[in-house]
Protein backbone atom coordinates (compact mmCIF):
# COMPACT_ATOMS: atom_id res chain seq x y z
CA MET A 1 -109.32 -67.53 -38.97
CA GLU A 2 -109.87 -70.20 -35.93
CA SER A 3 -113.68 -71.63 -37.46
CA GLN A 4 -116.72 -70.26 -35.61
CA ALA A 5 -120.59 -70.86 -35.30
CA GLY A 6 -122.15 -68.12 -37.96
CA ASP A 7 -124.29 -67.13 -40.52
CA GLY A 8 -127.29 -69.53 -41.63
CA VAL A 9 -130.08 -69.44 -39.76
CA LYS A 10 -130.47 -66.45 -36.83
CA TYR A 11 -131.08 -67.07 -33.09
CA ILE A 12 -135.14 -65.19 -32.28
CA PRO A 13 -135.82 -65.22 -28.64
CA VAL A 14 -138.71 -66.42 -27.64
CA SER A 15 -141.19 -63.41 -26.48
CA SER A 16 -144.24 -62.34 -24.72
CA ASP A 17 -144.29 -59.70 -25.63
CA ILE A 18 -146.97 -60.93 -28.27
CA PRO A 19 -148.88 -58.34 -30.64
CA HIS A 20 -152.49 -57.33 -28.58
CA LEU A 21 -154.48 -58.32 -32.37
CA LEU A 22 -152.68 -61.58 -32.49
CA GLN A 23 -152.80 -62.29 -28.97
CA SER A 24 -156.73 -61.54 -29.57
CA CYS A 25 -157.35 -63.73 -32.70
CA LYS A 26 -155.56 -66.61 -30.90
CA ILE A 27 -157.97 -66.62 -28.08
CA ARG A 28 -160.58 -66.82 -30.67
CA GLN A 29 -159.60 -69.12 -32.10
CA PRO A 30 -156.68 -71.84 -30.55
CA ILE A 31 -157.61 -74.23 -32.78
CA PRO A 32 -159.18 -72.59 -36.35
CA ASP A 33 -160.39 -75.70 -38.19
CA ASN A 34 -159.11 -73.63 -41.63
CA PRO A 35 -155.78 -72.17 -41.00
CA THR A 36 -155.50 -70.86 -44.08
CA ALA A 37 -158.66 -69.67 -44.01
CA ALA A 38 -157.76 -68.11 -40.48
CA TRP A 39 -154.61 -66.64 -41.04
CA LYS A 40 -155.79 -64.76 -44.94
CA ARG A 41 -158.37 -62.71 -43.12
CA PHE A 42 -156.38 -62.32 -40.08
CA THR A 43 -153.61 -60.53 -42.00
CA LYS A 44 -156.30 -59.09 -44.59
CA ARG A 45 -156.14 -56.38 -41.39
CA THR A 46 -154.18 -54.03 -42.23
CA ALA A 47 -153.93 -53.00 -38.68
CA SER A 48 -153.76 -56.58 -37.57
CA ARG A 49 -151.04 -57.25 -40.13
CA ASN A 50 -149.01 -53.91 -39.61
CA GLN A 51 -148.37 -54.68 -35.57
CA LEU A 52 -147.60 -58.23 -36.41
CA LYS A 53 -144.97 -56.99 -39.44
CA THR A 54 -143.43 -54.29 -36.84
CA ALA A 55 -142.54 -56.24 -34.24
CA LEU A 56 -141.36 -59.55 -35.55
CA HIS A 57 -139.24 -56.30 -37.26
CA ALA A 58 -138.00 -55.36 -34.11
CA ARG A 59 -137.64 -58.55 -32.72
CA GLN A 60 -135.60 -59.47 -35.40
CA GLN A 61 -133.47 -56.76 -35.42
CA GLY A 62 -134.39 -55.75 -39.03
CA LEU A 63 -132.62 -59.02 -40.42
CA CYS A 64 -134.53 -61.48 -42.06
CA ALA A 65 -134.98 -64.46 -39.73
CA TYR A 66 -133.22 -67.30 -41.77
CA CYS A 67 -130.32 -65.65 -44.58
CA GLU A 68 -129.65 -62.31 -42.03
CA ILE A 69 -129.72 -60.01 -44.71
CA THR A 70 -131.46 -56.23 -43.98
CA LEU A 71 -134.99 -56.20 -44.20
CA GLU A 72 -135.43 -52.95 -45.04
CA ASN A 73 -136.27 -52.01 -48.91
CA THR A 74 -133.31 -50.43 -51.21
CA GLU A 75 -132.63 -49.70 -54.39
CA ASP A 76 -130.83 -52.76 -54.84
CA GLN A 77 -132.66 -55.63 -53.23
CA ASN A 78 -136.01 -54.74 -53.45
CA ILE A 79 -137.97 -58.00 -52.53
CA GLY A 80 -139.48 -56.59 -49.39
CA SER A 81 -140.37 -58.97 -46.22
CA HIS A 82 -143.45 -61.77 -44.81
CA VAL A 83 -144.39 -63.26 -42.42
CA ASP A 84 -143.91 -67.22 -42.11
CA HIS A 85 -144.71 -69.84 -39.76
CA ILE A 86 -141.48 -71.87 -39.15
CA LEU A 87 -143.84 -75.21 -38.50
CA PRO A 88 -146.41 -75.32 -41.22
CA LYS A 89 -149.84 -73.94 -40.32
CA GLU A 90 -151.32 -76.84 -42.21
CA ASN A 91 -149.94 -79.40 -39.96
CA HIS A 92 -150.19 -77.42 -36.88
CA GLN A 93 -152.69 -75.89 -36.72
CA ALA A 94 -152.86 -75.43 -32.58
CA LEU A 95 -150.00 -73.02 -34.12
CA THR A 96 -151.69 -70.93 -36.59
CA PHE A 97 -151.33 -67.42 -34.33
CA ASP A 98 -148.83 -68.33 -32.63
CA TYR A 99 -146.65 -65.33 -31.40
CA ASP A 100 -143.07 -67.78 -31.12
CA ASN A 101 -144.09 -69.68 -34.73
CA LEU A 102 -143.63 -66.48 -36.52
CA VAL A 103 -140.79 -65.28 -38.03
CA LEU A 104 -139.80 -62.27 -40.52
CA SER A 105 -138.90 -63.18 -43.42
CA CYS A 106 -136.82 -62.32 -47.01
CA PHE A 107 -139.35 -61.91 -49.69
CA ALA A 108 -143.01 -60.41 -50.13
CA THR A 109 -144.13 -63.24 -52.47
CA GLY A 110 -141.00 -65.01 -53.94
CA GLY A 111 -141.63 -63.17 -57.53
CA GLU A 112 -139.43 -60.49 -56.94
CA ILE A 113 -136.64 -61.71 -58.42
CA LYS A 114 -136.43 -63.94 -61.33
CA ALA A 115 -134.33 -67.31 -62.27
CA ASP A 116 -131.98 -67.43 -65.05
CA GLU A 117 -129.63 -69.49 -66.76
CA LYS A 118 -126.33 -68.07 -64.33
CA ASP A 119 -128.93 -68.96 -61.27
CA PRO A 120 -132.18 -71.34 -61.87
CA ALA A 121 -133.70 -71.25 -57.77
CA PRO A 122 -132.53 -67.49 -56.58
CA VAL A 123 -135.63 -67.13 -54.29
CA SER A 124 -134.70 -68.74 -51.02
CA CYS A 125 -135.73 -68.78 -47.26
CA GLY A 126 -139.54 -68.62 -45.99
CA HIS A 127 -140.20 -68.61 -50.24
CA ALA A 128 -138.13 -71.18 -51.00
CA GLN A 129 -140.07 -73.88 -52.99
CA LEU A 130 -138.97 -76.80 -50.28
CA LYS A 131 -140.35 -74.27 -47.63
CA ARG A 132 -143.31 -72.62 -49.37
CA THR A 133 -144.01 -76.33 -50.07
CA ASN A 134 -143.71 -77.53 -46.89
CA ASN A 135 -141.57 -80.07 -47.79
CA PHE A 136 -139.51 -80.66 -45.68
CA ASP A 137 -138.62 -82.91 -42.69
CA GLU A 138 -139.24 -80.98 -39.22
CA SER A 139 -137.35 -83.44 -37.02
CA LEU A 140 -134.90 -81.86 -38.88
CA PHE A 141 -135.39 -79.11 -39.70
CA ILE A 142 -133.36 -76.03 -37.49
CA LYS A 143 -135.76 -73.49 -36.22
CA PRO A 144 -134.70 -70.03 -35.74
CA THR A 145 -136.49 -70.26 -32.23
CA ASP A 146 -133.86 -72.89 -30.79
CA SER A 147 -131.59 -71.25 -29.05
CA ASP A 148 -128.73 -73.50 -30.42
CA CYS A 149 -129.18 -72.29 -34.09
CA GLU A 150 -126.55 -70.74 -35.11
CA ARG A 151 -123.82 -73.05 -33.69
CA TYR A 152 -124.99 -75.48 -36.31
CA PHE A 153 -123.19 -72.86 -39.89
CA SER A 154 -120.32 -71.77 -40.69
CA PHE A 155 -118.81 -70.32 -43.23
CA GLU A 156 -116.61 -70.18 -46.34
CA LEU A 157 -114.30 -67.39 -47.98
CA ASP A 158 -116.75 -68.00 -50.73
CA GLY A 159 -119.63 -67.27 -49.03
CA GLU A 160 -120.69 -71.05 -48.66
CA ALA A 161 -122.95 -71.29 -45.54
CA ILE A 162 -121.96 -75.11 -44.27
CA ALA A 163 -122.22 -77.45 -41.46
CA HIS A 164 -120.12 -76.32 -38.88
CA PRO A 165 -117.19 -78.96 -38.91
CA ASN A 166 -117.37 -79.47 -35.49
CA LEU A 167 -121.11 -81.66 -35.47
CA ASP A 168 -121.12 -85.25 -35.03
CA SER A 169 -123.09 -86.39 -38.26
CA SER A 170 -126.16 -86.02 -36.93
CA ASP A 171 -126.23 -82.46 -36.50
CA ILE A 172 -124.94 -82.38 -39.65
CA ASP A 173 -127.85 -84.16 -41.43
CA LYS A 174 -129.57 -81.29 -39.22
CA ALA A 175 -127.93 -78.54 -40.62
CA LYS A 176 -127.09 -79.92 -44.98
CA HIS A 177 -130.89 -80.54 -44.14
CA THR A 178 -132.17 -76.66 -43.13
CA LEU A 179 -129.67 -75.09 -45.91
CA LYS A 180 -131.55 -77.05 -48.70
CA VAL A 181 -134.87 -76.66 -47.68
CA LEU A 182 -133.77 -72.50 -46.93
CA ASN A 183 -132.12 -72.18 -50.29
CA LEU A 184 -129.41 -70.88 -48.19
CA ASN A 185 -126.83 -71.23 -50.89
CA CYS A 186 -128.85 -70.12 -53.58
CA LEU A 187 -125.42 -67.70 -55.84
CA ARG A 188 -127.60 -64.84 -54.86
CA LEU A 189 -127.20 -64.41 -51.24
CA LYS A 190 -123.59 -66.61 -51.62
CA ARG A 191 -122.59 -62.88 -53.72
CA LEU A 192 -124.05 -60.86 -50.90
CA ARG A 193 -122.56 -63.12 -48.04
CA GLU A 194 -118.73 -63.37 -49.94
CA ASP A 195 -118.51 -59.22 -51.08
CA THR A 196 -119.30 -58.72 -47.31
CA ILE A 197 -116.69 -60.82 -45.61
CA THR A 198 -113.66 -59.63 -48.79
CA GLN A 199 -114.93 -56.04 -47.81
CA LEU A 200 -114.80 -56.54 -44.23
CA TYR A 201 -111.19 -58.43 -44.27
CA GLN A 202 -109.91 -55.39 -46.90
CA ILE A 203 -111.10 -52.75 -44.32
CA VAL A 204 -109.64 -54.50 -41.50
CA THR A 205 -106.58 -54.54 -43.70
CA GLU A 206 -105.81 -51.13 -44.70
CA LEU A 207 -107.03 -50.33 -40.74
CA GLN A 208 -104.41 -52.47 -39.13
CA ASP A 209 -101.32 -49.69 -37.54
CA ASP A 210 -104.48 -47.54 -36.42
CA SER A 211 -105.62 -49.38 -33.23
CA ASP A 212 -108.17 -46.92 -32.50
CA ALA A 213 -109.96 -46.46 -36.18
CA LEU A 214 -110.36 -50.08 -36.35
CA LYS A 215 -111.71 -50.82 -32.68
CA ARG A 216 -114.11 -48.00 -33.98
CA PHE A 217 -115.02 -49.67 -37.61
CA LEU A 218 -115.57 -52.28 -36.22
CA MET A 219 -117.74 -51.54 -33.72
CA LEU A 220 -120.22 -50.69 -35.92
CA GLU A 221 -119.54 -53.00 -38.40
CA LEU A 222 -120.30 -55.75 -35.88
CA GLN A 223 -123.77 -54.58 -34.36
CA GLU A 224 -126.54 -57.27 -34.38
CA THR A 225 -128.82 -55.00 -36.81
CA LYS A 226 -125.71 -55.33 -39.51
CA SER A 227 -126.56 -58.38 -42.84
CA PHE A 228 -124.74 -61.34 -42.07
CA ILE A 229 -123.99 -60.43 -38.42
CA ASN A 230 -122.59 -64.41 -37.92
CA ALA A 231 -120.89 -64.59 -40.66
CA ARG A 232 -119.27 -60.98 -39.50
CA LYS A 233 -118.44 -61.79 -36.99
CA GLN A 234 -116.57 -64.88 -37.04
CA HIS A 235 -114.61 -63.62 -39.92
CA VAL A 236 -113.71 -60.50 -38.13
CA GLY A 237 -115.44 -60.30 -34.46
C-alpha cells in the first residue's frame, strides 16, 4: 500500500476545557519555585489526580499519547498510566500546571515490566529512560500537541515505527530522535504492532468477497479509540 503518515506520536488537540482543580493550582502557582514538590502536592490529592487523569483520558480517547496503546488495565497489559509533562517541569517551571504540557502516558511507575535478555528495555513513552531523565534535545522532540506530529512517522509490516520516507533530512532527524527518546521500537511495542497489522490483513483478506461485512469491520477497527489507530489507518484505512 502507499506509505502514509502513521503511528509514532498521536496528535492531542489543545483544549480550553481545563480541569478546574488544575487551573486553580496554576493560578495560585503560575511559576512554582520547586516544580517537583508543587506537582507532588497536587497529585497527592486524590480529587486533583483523578480529575486530571479523567480529563486527559477523554481528550486522548483512551490512548497513550506516545505509542497509542489503549490505557485500560487488562490482564494482558496491566501496566497502568501516569500523567507526563511533555517538556520537563524542572526546565520549564511555568509549564508545571499547563494543561497543554500534560498528557496521559502508559506505565504507572515504569517497573511493571522487567527487562530480560530478549527485551533489555521494554519500558517506553513517558517512563522510557531518556524521557524520564529529561535527557533529550527539546528542539528535536516532536510533541503530541504539535498539529502535524503524525506526519513524521510510518509503519513497517514487522511493527517497526520509522521516519516517514517523504520527510526531508531535518525532519528525519526529529522523527528518529523522538522514536529513540520514547523507546517506541522496543521489542514489546514492535510485537504488539506487528500482531495488530497481521490480524487486520488476515481478516480483510477473509472478508474481501463480502463488501458489506468488510465495510462494517473496517468501521469498527478504524475508530479513534482503537490501539495503534494511525498504523491501522496506514495499512487498511
